[in-house]
Amino acid sequence: MKSKLGSILISLAVAFGLWLYVVTTVSTEQERSFSNVQVMLEGESILRERNLMIISDTDFAVRVTLKGSRQDLNNLNSSNLTLISNLSGIYDPGEYRLGFSVGYPGNIPSGAVTVMNKEPSYVKVVVAEKISRNIPVLVEYEGNAADGFIVDKVNAVLEQEYVTITGPRETVEAIDHAYIKVDCAESTQTIMESYRFELRDAESQPVDAAMITTNTEQIRV
């Protein structure tokens, strides 16, 4: 009688253990959301070959809801999920809404996890034509030299008289020159220094050049 009771208790314990394993590990009826998953843009090199560039923010954070076994979902987090949006289908400037695919780490079997929802379901990028042009360097000499000395502007020499700028067409075309200010106040010797320059428009107002690259950062005067 005791042996029979013991067998029943063991069977119940094993059955409960199997049930608990299925509910907590194997069950495929689990859903879980992952926030702040970053979307990576693929194909920016292709855009460069087409003389295009992205001028909008590319820091995309998405909330993804996935369905799968508890075991598989426990192996996922916002860092090891891979969201990829491909840019290769863009041929012209404009605003685009792009979908993205969801990739999983290697320990998740193919087809084991289903995407239930994406918030947002697309990312938005603004693409502009990328051009380059040369702009002149303009130097302003400020202040007077010390007594007995002169500021000889006529014979001043620039290491280079032009700067090559590259960026979105609209911004590049708004830039007129590279501006340098040289302080000559109380100078008593020849000035030979490298100066950083500022990109300015035709009215000599500074231009927002965050998207602009130049072939040099300083010019020797």
N, C-alpha and C. Protein backbone atom coordinates (compact mmCIF):
# COMPACT_ATOMS: atom_id res chain seq x y z
N MET A 1 0.84 -1.20 0.00
CA MET A 1 0.00 0.00 0.00
C MET A 1 0.88 1.26 0.00
N LYS A 2 1.92 1.23 0.87
CA LYS A 2 2.82 2.37 0.92
C LYS A 2 3.56 2.54 -0.40
N SER A 3 3.94 1.37 -1.01
CA SER A 3 4.65 1.43 -2.28
C SER A 3 3.78 2.02 -3.38
N LYS A 4 2.50 1.66 -3.37
CA LYS A 4 1.56 2.19 -4.37
C LYS A 4 1.37 3.69 -4.20
N LEU A 5 1.24 4.15 -2.94
CA LEU A 5 1.07 5.57 -2.65
C LEU A 5 2.31 6.36 -3.09
N GLY A 6 3.45 5.75 -2.83
CA GLY A 6 4.70 6.42 -3.23
C GLY A 6 4.79 6.57 -4.73
N SER A 7 4.38 5.53 -5.46
CA SER A 7 4.40 5.59 -6.92
C SER A 7 3.48 6.67 -7.44
N ILE A 8 2.31 6.79 -6.80
CA ILE A 8 1.34 7.83 -7.22
C ILE A 8 1.93 9.21 -7.01
N LEU A 9 2.57 9.42 -5.84
CA LEU A 9 3.15 10.73 -5.53
C LEU A 9 4.29 11.07 -6.50
N ILE A 10 5.10 10.06 -6.83
CA ILE A 10 6.18 10.29 -7.78
C ILE A 10 5.62 10.65 -9.16
N SER A 11 4.56 9.91 -9.58
CA SER A 11 3.93 10.18 -10.87
C SER A 11 3.37 11.59 -10.93
N LEU A 12 2.73 12.01 -9.81
CA LEU A 12 2.18 13.37 -9.75
C LEU A 12 3.29 14.42 -9.83
N ALA A 13 4.39 14.15 -9.13
CA ALA A 13 5.51 15.10 -9.14
C ALA A 13 6.11 15.21 -10.55
N VAL A 14 6.27 14.06 -11.22
CA VAL A 14 6.81 14.07 -12.58
C VAL A 14 5.86 14.79 -13.53
N ALA A 15 4.56 14.53 -13.39
CA ALA A 15 3.56 15.17 -14.25
C ALA A 15 3.56 16.68 -14.05
N PHE A 16 3.65 17.10 -12.77
CA PHE A 16 3.68 18.54 -12.47
C PHE A 16 4.94 19.17 -13.05
N GLY A 17 6.06 18.46 -12.92
CA GLY A 17 7.31 18.97 -13.46
C GLY A 17 7.24 19.14 -14.97
N LEU A 18 6.65 18.12 -15.66
CA LEU A 18 6.50 18.22 -17.11
C LEU A 18 5.58 19.37 -17.50
N TRP A 19 4.49 19.52 -16.76
CA TRP A 19 3.54 20.61 -17.03
C TRP A 19 4.22 21.96 -16.83
N LEU A 20 4.99 22.08 -15.74
CA LEU A 20 5.68 23.34 -15.46
C LEU A 20 6.70 23.65 -16.54
N TYR A 21 7.40 22.63 -17.02
CA TYR A 21 8.40 22.81 -18.07
C TYR A 21 7.74 23.31 -19.36
N VAL A 22 6.61 22.67 -19.72
CA VAL A 22 5.90 23.05 -20.94
C VAL A 22 5.38 24.47 -20.84
N VAL A 23 4.80 24.83 -19.67
CA VAL A 23 4.20 26.15 -19.50
C VAL A 23 5.26 27.24 -19.49
N THR A 24 6.38 26.97 -18.82
CA THR A 24 7.39 28.03 -18.63
C THR A 24 8.45 28.05 -19.72
N THR A 25 8.62 26.96 -20.43
CA THR A 25 9.73 26.89 -21.39
C THR A 25 9.29 26.61 -22.81
N VAL A 26 8.50 25.58 -23.02
CA VAL A 26 8.20 25.10 -24.36
C VAL A 26 7.04 25.83 -25.02
N SER A 27 6.10 26.32 -24.22
CA SER A 27 4.88 26.91 -24.77
C SER A 27 5.19 27.94 -25.85
N THR A 28 4.48 27.88 -27.00
CA THR A 28 4.66 28.82 -28.11
C THR A 28 3.62 29.94 -28.10
N GLU A 29 2.95 30.09 -27.01
CA GLU A 29 1.87 31.08 -26.96
C GLU A 29 2.29 32.34 -26.21
N GLN A 30 3.58 32.60 -26.16
CA GLN A 30 4.07 33.77 -25.43
C GLN A 30 4.28 34.94 -26.39
N GLU A 31 3.97 36.15 -25.92
CA GLU A 31 4.28 37.37 -26.66
C GLU A 31 5.09 38.30 -25.75
N ARG A 32 6.06 38.99 -26.36
CA ARG A 32 6.86 39.91 -25.56
C ARG A 32 7.28 41.08 -26.44
N SER A 33 7.29 42.26 -25.84
CA SER A 33 7.69 43.47 -26.57
C SER A 33 9.10 43.89 -26.17
N PHE A 34 9.85 44.39 -27.14
CA PHE A 34 11.22 44.86 -26.92
C PHE A 34 11.29 46.31 -27.38
N SER A 35 11.66 47.20 -26.49
CA SER A 35 11.68 48.63 -26.79
C SER A 35 13.09 49.11 -27.14
N ASN A 36 13.13 50.26 -27.80
CA ASN A 36 14.39 50.93 -28.15
C ASN A 36 15.33 50.03 -28.95
N VAL A 37 14.77 49.28 -29.89
CA VAL A 37 15.59 48.47 -30.78
C VAL A 37 16.05 49.37 -31.93
N GLN A 38 17.35 49.42 -32.17
CA GLN A 38 17.90 50.32 -33.19
C GLN A 38 17.77 49.73 -34.59
N VAL A 39 17.43 50.59 -35.54
CA VAL A 39 17.34 50.19 -36.95
C VAL A 39 18.64 50.60 -37.65
N MET A 40 19.29 49.65 -38.30
CA MET A 40 20.51 49.93 -39.06
C MET A 40 20.16 50.13 -40.53
N LEU A 41 20.80 51.12 -41.14
CA LEU A 41 20.59 51.39 -42.56
C LEU A 41 21.67 50.67 -43.36
N GLU A 42 21.24 49.93 -44.34
CA GLU A 42 22.15 49.15 -45.18
C GLU A 42 22.15 49.71 -46.60
N GLY A 43 23.32 49.93 -47.17
CA GLY A 43 23.40 50.40 -48.54
C GLY A 43 23.78 51.86 -48.69
N GLU A 44 24.36 52.48 -47.64
CA GLU A 44 24.76 53.89 -47.76
C GLU A 44 25.87 54.06 -48.78
N SER A 45 26.71 53.05 -48.96
CA SER A 45 27.77 53.13 -49.97
C SER A 45 27.17 53.20 -51.37
N ILE A 46 26.02 52.52 -51.56
CA ILE A 46 25.34 52.57 -52.87
C ILE A 46 24.80 53.98 -53.12
N LEU A 47 24.28 54.62 -52.07
CA LEU A 47 23.82 56.00 -52.22
C LEU A 47 24.96 56.91 -52.64
N ARG A 48 26.13 56.73 -52.02
CA ARG A 48 27.28 57.57 -52.37
C ARG A 48 27.67 57.40 -53.83
N GLU A 49 27.58 56.18 -54.33
CA GLU A 49 27.89 55.93 -55.74
C GLU A 49 26.91 56.65 -56.66
N ARG A 50 25.71 56.90 -56.17
CA ARG A 50 24.68 57.60 -56.95
C ARG A 50 24.67 59.10 -56.66
N ASN A 51 25.70 59.59 -55.97
CA ASN A 51 25.81 61.01 -55.60
C ASN A 51 24.60 61.46 -54.78
N LEU A 52 24.22 60.62 -53.83
CA LEU A 52 23.13 60.93 -52.92
C LEU A 52 23.63 60.80 -51.48
N MET A 53 22.92 61.44 -50.55
CA MET A 53 23.27 61.35 -49.14
C MET A 53 22.03 61.57 -48.28
N ILE A 54 22.03 60.99 -47.10
CA ILE A 54 20.93 61.17 -46.16
C ILE A 54 21.18 62.43 -45.35
N ILE A 55 20.18 63.30 -45.25
CA ILE A 55 20.33 64.55 -44.51
C ILE A 55 19.41 64.61 -43.30
N SER A 56 18.68 63.54 -43.02
CA SER A 56 17.79 63.51 -41.86
C SER A 56 18.42 62.69 -40.75
N ASP A 57 17.81 62.74 -39.57
CA ASP A 57 18.29 61.98 -38.42
C ASP A 57 18.17 60.49 -38.72
N THR A 58 19.18 59.71 -38.36
CA THR A 58 19.15 58.27 -38.62
C THR A 58 19.19 57.46 -37.32
N ASP A 59 18.86 58.12 -36.21
CA ASP A 59 18.82 57.41 -34.92
C ASP A 59 17.39 56.93 -34.70
N PHE A 60 17.09 55.73 -35.19
CA PHE A 60 15.74 55.19 -35.14
C PHE A 60 15.61 54.19 -34.00
N ALA A 61 14.63 54.38 -33.13
CA ALA A 61 14.34 53.45 -32.05
C ALA A 61 12.93 52.89 -32.24
N VAL A 62 12.81 51.58 -32.31
CA VAL A 62 11.54 50.92 -32.65
C VAL A 62 11.15 49.96 -31.52
N ARG A 63 9.85 49.81 -31.34
CA ARG A 63 9.31 48.82 -30.39
C ARG A 63 8.78 47.64 -31.21
N VAL A 64 9.28 46.45 -30.91
CA VAL A 64 8.92 45.26 -31.66
C VAL A 64 8.26 44.25 -30.72
N THR A 65 7.10 43.71 -31.14
CA THR A 65 6.43 42.66 -30.38
C THR A 65 6.59 41.34 -31.11
N LEU A 66 7.12 40.34 -30.40
CA LEU A 66 7.41 39.04 -31.00
C LEU A 66 6.65 37.94 -30.29
N LYS A 67 6.39 36.86 -31.02
CA LYS A 67 5.70 35.70 -30.48
C LYS A 67 6.57 34.47 -30.68
N GLY A 68 6.72 33.68 -29.62
CA GLY A 68 7.53 32.47 -29.70
C GLY A 68 7.54 31.75 -28.37
N SER A 69 8.34 30.72 -28.24
CA SER A 69 8.42 29.99 -26.98
C SER A 69 9.08 30.87 -25.93
N ARG A 70 8.77 30.62 -24.69
CA ARG A 70 9.37 31.39 -23.61
C ARG A 70 10.90 31.25 -23.64
N GLN A 71 11.36 30.04 -23.95
CA GLN A 71 12.79 29.80 -24.00
C GLN A 71 13.47 30.67 -25.06
N ASP A 72 12.86 30.73 -26.26
CA ASP A 72 13.44 31.55 -27.32
C ASP A 72 13.37 33.04 -26.98
N LEU A 73 12.24 33.47 -26.43
CA LEU A 73 12.08 34.88 -26.09
C LEU A 73 13.04 35.29 -24.98
N ASN A 74 13.35 34.36 -24.07
CA ASN A 74 14.30 34.66 -23.00
C ASN A 74 15.70 34.89 -23.54
N ASN A 75 15.97 34.38 -24.74
CA ASN A 75 17.29 34.55 -25.34
C ASN A 75 17.39 35.83 -26.17
N LEU A 76 16.31 36.61 -26.21
CA LEU A 76 16.30 37.83 -26.99
C LEU A 76 16.30 39.06 -26.10
N ASN A 77 16.88 40.14 -26.60
CA ASN A 77 16.82 41.43 -25.92
C ASN A 77 16.97 42.53 -26.97
N SER A 78 16.84 43.77 -26.53
CA SER A 78 16.88 44.89 -27.47
C SER A 78 18.22 45.03 -28.17
N SER A 79 19.27 44.45 -27.59
CA SER A 79 20.61 44.58 -28.17
C SER A 79 20.92 43.53 -29.22
N ASN A 80 20.39 42.30 -29.04
CA ASN A 80 20.75 41.26 -30.01
C ASN A 80 19.72 41.06 -31.12
N LEU A 81 18.66 41.86 -31.09
CA LEU A 81 17.74 41.89 -32.23
C LEU A 81 18.34 42.80 -33.31
N THR A 82 18.24 42.40 -34.56
CA THR A 82 18.81 43.18 -35.66
C THR A 82 17.70 43.65 -36.59
N LEU A 83 17.52 44.97 -36.65
CA LEU A 83 16.53 45.56 -37.57
C LEU A 83 17.29 46.24 -38.70
N ILE A 84 17.01 45.84 -39.94
CA ILE A 84 17.76 46.36 -41.08
C ILE A 84 16.80 46.95 -42.12
N SER A 85 17.11 48.18 -42.53
CA SER A 85 16.37 48.84 -43.59
C SER A 85 17.32 49.08 -44.75
N ASN A 86 16.92 48.68 -45.95
CA ASN A 86 17.81 48.73 -47.11
C ASN A 86 17.57 49.98 -47.95
N LEU A 87 18.68 50.65 -48.31
CA LEU A 87 18.60 51.91 -49.07
C LEU A 87 18.83 51.73 -50.56
N SER A 88 19.10 50.52 -51.01
CA SER A 88 19.52 50.31 -52.39
C SER A 88 18.44 50.65 -53.41
N GLY A 89 17.19 50.75 -52.98
CA GLY A 89 16.11 51.07 -53.92
C GLY A 89 15.90 52.55 -54.14
N ILE A 90 16.76 53.40 -53.55
CA ILE A 90 16.62 54.85 -53.69
C ILE A 90 17.54 55.34 -54.80
N TYR A 91 16.96 56.03 -55.79
CA TYR A 91 17.73 56.53 -56.93
C TYR A 91 17.68 58.05 -57.07
N ASP A 92 16.77 58.71 -56.36
CA ASP A 92 16.58 60.15 -56.53
C ASP A 92 16.42 60.82 -55.17
N PRO A 93 16.70 62.13 -55.10
CA PRO A 93 16.46 62.88 -53.87
C PRO A 93 14.98 62.85 -53.50
N GLY A 94 14.70 62.96 -52.20
CA GLY A 94 13.31 62.99 -51.75
C GLY A 94 13.17 62.40 -50.36
N GLU A 95 11.93 62.30 -49.93
CA GLU A 95 11.60 61.73 -48.62
C GLU A 95 11.05 60.32 -48.83
N TYR A 96 11.56 59.38 -48.06
CA TYR A 96 11.19 57.98 -48.24
C TYR A 96 10.78 57.35 -46.91
N ARG A 97 9.75 56.49 -46.99
CA ARG A 97 9.36 55.64 -45.86
C ARG A 97 9.82 54.22 -46.16
N LEU A 98 10.67 53.70 -45.31
CA LEU A 98 11.27 52.40 -45.56
C LEU A 98 10.86 51.39 -44.50
N GLY A 99 10.48 50.21 -44.96
CA GLY A 99 10.24 49.11 -44.04
C GLY A 99 11.56 48.52 -43.56
N PHE A 100 11.50 47.58 -42.65
CA PHE A 100 12.73 46.95 -42.16
C PHE A 100 12.45 45.50 -41.77
N SER A 101 13.48 44.70 -41.89
CA SER A 101 13.39 43.28 -41.53
C SER A 101 13.94 43.07 -40.13
N VAL A 102 13.51 41.96 -39.50
CA VAL A 102 13.96 41.64 -38.15
C VAL A 102 14.85 40.40 -38.22
N GLY A 103 16.05 40.51 -37.67
CA GLY A 103 16.97 39.39 -37.63
C GLY A 103 17.22 38.96 -36.20
N TYR A 104 17.57 37.68 -36.01
CA TYR A 104 17.73 37.11 -34.67
C TYR A 104 19.12 36.51 -34.51
N PRO A 105 19.59 36.37 -33.28
CA PRO A 105 20.89 35.73 -33.06
C PRO A 105 20.87 34.27 -33.49
N GLY A 106 22.07 33.68 -33.62
CA GLY A 106 22.19 32.34 -34.17
C GLY A 106 21.57 31.24 -33.35
N ASN A 107 21.31 31.49 -32.05
CA ASN A 107 20.73 30.43 -31.22
C ASN A 107 19.21 30.36 -31.31
N ILE A 108 18.61 31.19 -32.19
CA ILE A 108 17.16 31.14 -32.39
C ILE A 108 16.90 30.41 -33.71
N PRO A 109 16.20 29.27 -33.67
CA PRO A 109 15.94 28.50 -34.90
C PRO A 109 15.13 29.31 -35.91
N SER A 110 15.37 29.04 -37.18
CA SER A 110 14.65 29.73 -38.25
C SER A 110 13.15 29.47 -38.14
N GLY A 111 12.36 30.53 -38.17
CA GLY A 111 10.91 30.41 -38.11
C GLY A 111 10.35 30.20 -36.72
N ALA A 112 11.22 30.23 -35.70
CA ALA A 112 10.74 29.97 -34.34
C ALA A 112 10.03 31.16 -33.73
N VAL A 113 10.31 32.35 -34.24
CA VAL A 113 9.74 33.58 -33.68
C VAL A 113 8.98 34.32 -34.77
N THR A 114 7.81 34.85 -34.41
CA THR A 114 6.96 35.58 -35.35
C THR A 114 6.86 37.04 -34.92
N VAL A 115 6.97 37.95 -35.90
CA VAL A 115 6.80 39.38 -35.62
C VAL A 115 5.31 39.69 -35.57
N MET A 116 4.84 40.17 -34.42
CA MET A 116 3.43 40.49 -34.25
C MET A 116 3.13 41.96 -34.53
N ASN A 117 4.11 42.83 -34.19
CA ASN A 117 3.85 44.26 -34.36
C ASN A 117 5.17 45.03 -34.35
N LYS A 118 5.18 46.16 -35.11
CA LYS A 118 6.31 47.08 -35.11
C LYS A 118 5.77 48.49 -34.89
N GLU A 119 6.37 49.22 -33.98
CA GLU A 119 5.93 50.60 -33.71
C GLU A 119 7.15 51.52 -33.72
N PRO A 120 7.30 52.36 -34.77
CA PRO A 120 6.49 52.43 -35.99
C PRO A 120 6.82 51.29 -36.94
N SER A 121 6.04 51.16 -37.98
CA SER A 121 6.24 50.06 -38.93
C SER A 121 7.20 50.44 -40.04
N TYR A 122 7.68 51.68 -40.05
CA TYR A 122 8.62 52.13 -41.08
C TYR A 122 9.53 53.21 -40.48
N VAL A 123 10.63 53.50 -41.18
CA VAL A 123 11.48 54.62 -40.80
C VAL A 123 11.49 55.62 -41.95
N LYS A 124 11.67 56.89 -41.62
CA LYS A 124 11.61 57.94 -42.63
C LYS A 124 13.00 58.54 -42.82
N VAL A 125 13.44 58.62 -44.07
CA VAL A 125 14.73 59.24 -44.38
C VAL A 125 14.53 60.29 -45.46
N VAL A 126 15.32 61.35 -45.37
CA VAL A 126 15.31 62.40 -46.38
C VAL A 126 16.66 62.33 -47.11
N VAL A 127 16.59 62.23 -48.42
CA VAL A 127 17.79 62.05 -49.24
C VAL A 127 17.98 63.27 -50.14
N ALA A 128 19.22 63.74 -50.22
CA ALA A 128 19.53 64.90 -51.06
C ALA A 128 20.64 64.56 -52.04
N GLU A 129 20.72 65.35 -53.10
CA GLU A 129 21.83 65.19 -54.04
C GLU A 129 23.11 65.70 -53.40
N LYS A 130 24.19 64.97 -53.57
CA LYS A 130 25.48 65.37 -53.01
C LYS A 130 26.37 65.94 -54.12
N ILE A 131 26.88 67.15 -53.91
CA ILE A 131 27.75 67.78 -54.90
C ILE A 131 29.01 68.33 -54.21
N SER A 132 30.00 68.65 -55.02
CA SER A 132 31.23 69.28 -54.53
C SER A 132 31.51 70.53 -55.37
N ARG A 133 32.15 71.53 -54.76
CA ARG A 133 32.60 72.71 -55.51
C ARG A 133 33.71 73.39 -54.73
N ASN A 134 34.49 74.19 -55.44
CA ASN A 134 35.57 74.95 -54.81
C ASN A 134 35.08 76.35 -54.47
N ILE A 135 35.43 76.82 -53.29
CA ILE A 135 35.06 78.18 -52.88
C ILE A 135 36.34 78.93 -52.50
N PRO A 136 36.36 80.24 -52.72
CA PRO A 136 37.58 81.02 -52.40
C PRO A 136 37.74 81.22 -50.89
N VAL A 137 38.98 81.45 -50.49
CA VAL A 137 39.30 81.78 -49.10
C VAL A 137 39.44 83.29 -49.00
N LEU A 138 38.67 83.91 -48.12
CA LEU A 138 38.75 85.35 -47.89
C LEU A 138 39.31 85.60 -46.49
N VAL A 139 40.32 86.49 -46.43
CA VAL A 139 40.99 86.77 -45.16
C VAL A 139 40.70 88.21 -44.74
N GLU A 140 40.32 88.39 -43.48
CA GLU A 140 40.15 89.73 -42.91
C GLU A 140 41.28 89.95 -41.91
N TYR A 141 42.02 91.04 -42.13
CA TYR A 141 43.11 91.38 -41.21
C TYR A 141 42.59 92.42 -40.24
N GLU A 142 42.67 92.11 -38.97
CA GLU A 142 42.06 92.95 -37.94
C GLU A 142 43.15 93.54 -37.04
N GLY A 143 43.03 94.82 -36.74
CA GLY A 143 43.97 95.47 -35.83
C GLY A 143 45.18 96.04 -36.55
N ASN A 144 45.87 96.94 -35.88
CA ASN A 144 47.05 97.60 -36.45
C ASN A 144 48.31 97.04 -35.82
N ALA A 145 49.35 96.96 -36.65
CA ALA A 145 50.63 96.50 -36.12
C ALA A 145 51.21 97.54 -35.15
N ALA A 146 52.21 97.13 -34.40
CA ALA A 146 52.86 98.05 -33.45
C ALA A 146 53.55 99.19 -34.21
N ASP A 147 53.87 100.26 -33.51
CA ASP A 147 54.54 101.41 -34.13
C ASP A 147 55.84 100.95 -34.80
N GLY A 148 56.03 101.45 -36.02
CA GLY A 148 57.23 101.09 -36.76
C GLY A 148 57.06 99.85 -37.62
N PHE A 149 55.87 99.25 -37.60
CA PHE A 149 55.61 98.05 -38.40
C PHE A 149 54.34 98.27 -39.22
N ILE A 150 54.21 97.52 -40.33
CA ILE A 150 53.03 97.62 -41.17
C ILE A 150 52.42 96.23 -41.37
N VAL A 151 51.14 96.20 -41.69
CA VAL A 151 50.47 94.97 -42.09
C VAL A 151 50.49 94.92 -43.61
N ASP A 152 51.33 94.08 -44.17
CA ASP A 152 51.53 94.02 -45.62
C ASP A 152 50.54 93.02 -46.22
N LYS A 153 49.32 93.49 -46.49
CA LYS A 153 48.27 92.62 -47.02
C LYS A 153 48.54 92.22 -48.47
N VAL A 154 49.22 93.10 -49.23
CA VAL A 154 49.45 92.85 -50.64
C VAL A 154 50.28 91.59 -50.84
N ASN A 155 51.26 91.38 -50.00
CA ASN A 155 52.17 90.26 -50.16
C ASN A 155 51.81 89.07 -49.25
N ALA A 156 50.65 89.11 -48.69
CA ALA A 156 50.22 87.97 -47.86
C ALA A 156 50.06 86.73 -48.74
N VAL A 157 50.43 85.59 -48.21
CA VAL A 157 50.40 84.35 -48.98
C VAL A 157 49.54 83.32 -48.25
N LEU A 158 48.60 82.72 -48.99
CA LEU A 158 47.79 81.63 -48.45
C LEU A 158 48.34 80.30 -48.95
N GLU A 159 48.40 79.33 -48.06
CA GLU A 159 48.84 78.00 -48.46
C GLU A 159 47.96 77.45 -49.57
N GLN A 160 46.66 77.75 -49.51
CA GLN A 160 45.73 77.41 -50.60
C GLN A 160 44.66 78.48 -50.67
N GLU A 161 44.29 78.82 -51.87
CA GLU A 161 43.34 79.92 -52.07
C GLU A 161 41.91 79.44 -52.22
N TYR A 162 41.73 78.12 -52.31
CA TYR A 162 40.38 77.57 -52.45
C TYR A 162 40.21 76.38 -51.50
N VAL A 163 38.98 76.17 -51.09
CA VAL A 163 38.61 75.01 -50.27
C VAL A 163 37.54 74.23 -51.02
N THR A 164 37.69 72.91 -51.06
CA THR A 164 36.67 72.06 -51.70
C THR A 164 35.66 71.63 -50.64
N ILE A 165 34.41 71.93 -50.89
CA ILE A 165 33.34 71.55 -49.96
C ILE A 165 32.43 70.52 -50.63
N THR A 166 31.93 69.60 -49.84
CA THR A 166 31.06 68.54 -50.34
C THR A 166 29.88 68.38 -49.39
N GLY A 167 28.68 68.23 -49.96
CA GLY A 167 27.51 68.05 -49.12
C GLY A 167 26.23 68.19 -49.93
N PRO A 168 25.09 68.39 -49.24
CA PRO A 168 23.81 68.54 -49.94
C PRO A 168 23.84 69.75 -50.87
N ARG A 169 23.27 69.59 -52.06
CA ARG A 169 23.31 70.66 -53.07
C ARG A 169 22.83 72.00 -52.50
N GLU A 170 21.72 72.01 -51.81
CA GLU A 170 21.15 73.27 -51.32
C GLU A 170 22.12 74.00 -50.40
N THR A 171 22.79 73.26 -49.51
CA THR A 171 23.72 73.89 -48.58
C THR A 171 25.00 74.32 -49.29
N VAL A 172 25.52 73.46 -50.15
CA VAL A 172 26.75 73.78 -50.88
C VAL A 172 26.57 75.05 -51.71
N GLU A 173 25.43 75.16 -52.38
CA GLU A 173 25.20 76.33 -53.23
C GLU A 173 24.98 77.61 -52.43
N ALA A 174 24.65 77.47 -51.15
CA ALA A 174 24.45 78.65 -50.30
C ALA A 174 25.77 79.19 -49.75
N ILE A 175 26.84 78.42 -49.84
CA ILE A 175 28.13 78.82 -49.29
C ILE A 175 28.91 79.59 -50.35
N ASP A 176 29.40 80.76 -49.97
CA ASP A 176 30.10 81.63 -50.92
C ASP A 176 31.62 81.59 -50.73
N HIS A 177 32.08 81.51 -49.49
CA HIS A 177 33.52 81.55 -49.26
C HIS A 177 33.87 80.97 -47.89
N ALA A 178 35.17 80.72 -47.73
CA ALA A 178 35.71 80.31 -46.43
C ALA A 178 36.36 81.53 -45.79
N TYR A 179 35.93 81.87 -44.58
CA TYR A 179 36.35 83.12 -43.95
C TYR A 179 37.40 82.86 -42.87
N ILE A 180 38.47 83.67 -42.91
CA ILE A 180 39.52 83.60 -41.89
C ILE A 180 39.75 85.01 -41.36
N LYS A 181 39.89 85.12 -40.04
CA LYS A 181 40.22 86.41 -39.43
C LYS A 181 41.61 86.32 -38.81
N VAL A 182 42.50 87.23 -39.22
CA VAL A 182 43.86 87.26 -38.70
C VAL A 182 44.01 88.50 -37.82
N ASP A 183 44.38 88.31 -36.58
CA ASP A 183 44.55 89.41 -35.63
C ASP A 183 45.99 89.93 -35.72
N CYS A 184 46.11 91.15 -36.21
CA CYS A 184 47.44 91.75 -36.38
C CYS A 184 47.76 92.79 -35.30
N ALA A 185 46.90 92.93 -34.32
CA ALA A 185 47.06 93.98 -33.32
C ALA A 185 48.41 93.88 -32.61
N GLU A 186 49.15 95.00 -32.66
CA GLU A 186 50.44 95.12 -31.97
C GLU A 186 51.47 94.10 -32.44
N SER A 187 51.32 93.61 -33.66
CA SER A 187 52.28 92.63 -34.17
C SER A 187 53.63 93.29 -34.43
N THR A 188 54.70 92.56 -34.12
CA THR A 188 56.05 93.07 -34.34
C THR A 188 56.90 92.07 -35.14
N GLN A 189 56.27 91.05 -35.67
CA GLN A 189 57.00 90.06 -36.45
C GLN A 189 56.09 89.43 -37.50
N THR A 190 56.70 88.75 -38.45
CA THR A 190 55.95 88.09 -39.51
C THR A 190 55.02 87.03 -38.92
N ILE A 191 53.77 87.00 -39.41
CA ILE A 191 52.79 86.01 -38.95
C ILE A 191 52.83 84.81 -39.88
N MET A 192 53.08 83.64 -39.31
CA MET A 192 53.04 82.38 -40.06
C MET A 192 52.29 81.37 -39.20
N GLU A 193 50.99 81.28 -39.42
CA GLU A 193 50.16 80.42 -38.59
C GLU A 193 49.10 79.72 -39.45
N SER A 194 48.55 78.64 -38.89
CA SER A 194 47.42 77.93 -39.53
C SER A 194 46.14 78.35 -38.83
N TYR A 195 45.13 78.67 -39.61
CA TYR A 195 43.87 79.18 -39.10
C TYR A 195 42.71 78.28 -39.51
N ARG A 196 41.80 78.06 -38.58
CA ARG A 196 40.54 77.42 -38.92
C ARG A 196 39.66 78.46 -39.61
N PHE A 197 38.81 77.99 -40.50
CA PHE A 197 37.97 78.91 -41.26
C PHE A 197 36.50 78.64 -40.98
N GLU A 198 35.67 79.62 -41.33
CA GLU A 198 34.22 79.52 -41.17
C GLU A 198 33.58 79.64 -42.55
N LEU A 199 32.60 78.78 -42.83
CA LEU A 199 31.91 78.82 -44.12
C LEU A 199 30.80 79.86 -44.05
N ARG A 200 30.80 80.78 -45.03
CA ARG A 200 29.84 81.89 -45.01
C ARG A 200 29.15 82.04 -46.36
N ASP A 201 28.00 82.72 -46.33
CA ASP A 201 27.26 82.97 -47.57
C ASP A 201 27.72 84.28 -48.21
N ALA A 202 27.02 84.69 -49.27
CA ALA A 202 27.42 85.88 -50.02
C ALA A 202 27.33 87.15 -49.20
N GLU A 203 26.50 87.16 -48.15
CA GLU A 203 26.39 88.32 -47.27
C GLU A 203 27.33 88.21 -46.08
N SER A 204 28.24 87.26 -46.16
CA SER A 204 29.24 86.98 -45.11
C SER A 204 28.60 86.56 -43.79
N GLN A 205 27.45 85.88 -43.90
CA GLN A 205 26.80 85.32 -42.72
C GLN A 205 27.16 83.83 -42.60
N PRO A 206 27.41 83.36 -41.38
CA PRO A 206 27.76 81.93 -41.19
C PRO A 206 26.65 81.02 -41.71
N VAL A 207 27.05 79.90 -42.31
CA VAL A 207 26.13 78.89 -42.84
C VAL A 207 26.21 77.65 -41.95
N ASP A 208 25.05 77.06 -41.65
CA ASP A 208 25.03 75.80 -40.90
C ASP A 208 25.64 74.71 -41.78
N ALA A 209 26.86 74.33 -41.44
CA ALA A 209 27.61 73.40 -42.28
C ALA A 209 27.76 72.02 -41.64
N ALA A 210 26.79 71.63 -40.84
CA ALA A 210 26.88 70.34 -40.15
C ALA A 210 26.99 69.17 -41.11
N MET A 211 26.38 69.30 -42.30
CA MET A 211 26.38 68.22 -43.27
C MET A 211 27.47 68.37 -44.33
N ILE A 212 28.34 69.37 -44.14
CA ILE A 212 29.38 69.67 -45.12
C ILE A 212 30.72 69.07 -44.69
N THR A 213 31.43 68.48 -45.65
CA THR A 213 32.81 68.07 -45.42
C THR A 213 33.72 68.91 -46.30
N THR A 214 34.95 69.12 -45.85
CA THR A 214 35.92 69.94 -46.59
C THR A 214 37.21 69.15 -46.78
N ASN A 215 37.99 69.56 -47.76
CA ASN A 215 39.25 68.85 -48.03
C ASN A 215 40.37 69.24 -47.08
N THR A 216 40.12 70.24 -46.23
CA THR A 216 41.09 70.63 -45.21
C THR A 216 40.34 71.30 -44.06
N GLU A 217 40.97 71.31 -42.87
CA GLU A 217 40.34 71.95 -41.72
C GLU A 217 41.00 73.28 -41.38
N GLN A 218 42.24 73.46 -41.81
CA GLN A 218 42.97 74.68 -41.52
C GLN A 218 43.74 75.14 -42.76
N ILE A 219 44.01 76.46 -42.80
CA ILE A 219 44.78 77.02 -43.91
C ILE A 219 45.90 77.86 -43.31
N ARG A 220 47.09 77.65 -43.84
CA ARG A 220 48.25 78.39 -43.35
C ARG A 220 48.34 79.72 -44.07
N VAL A 221 48.52 80.78 -43.26
CA VAL A 221 48.62 82.16 -43.78
C VAL A 221 50.01 82.68 -43.46
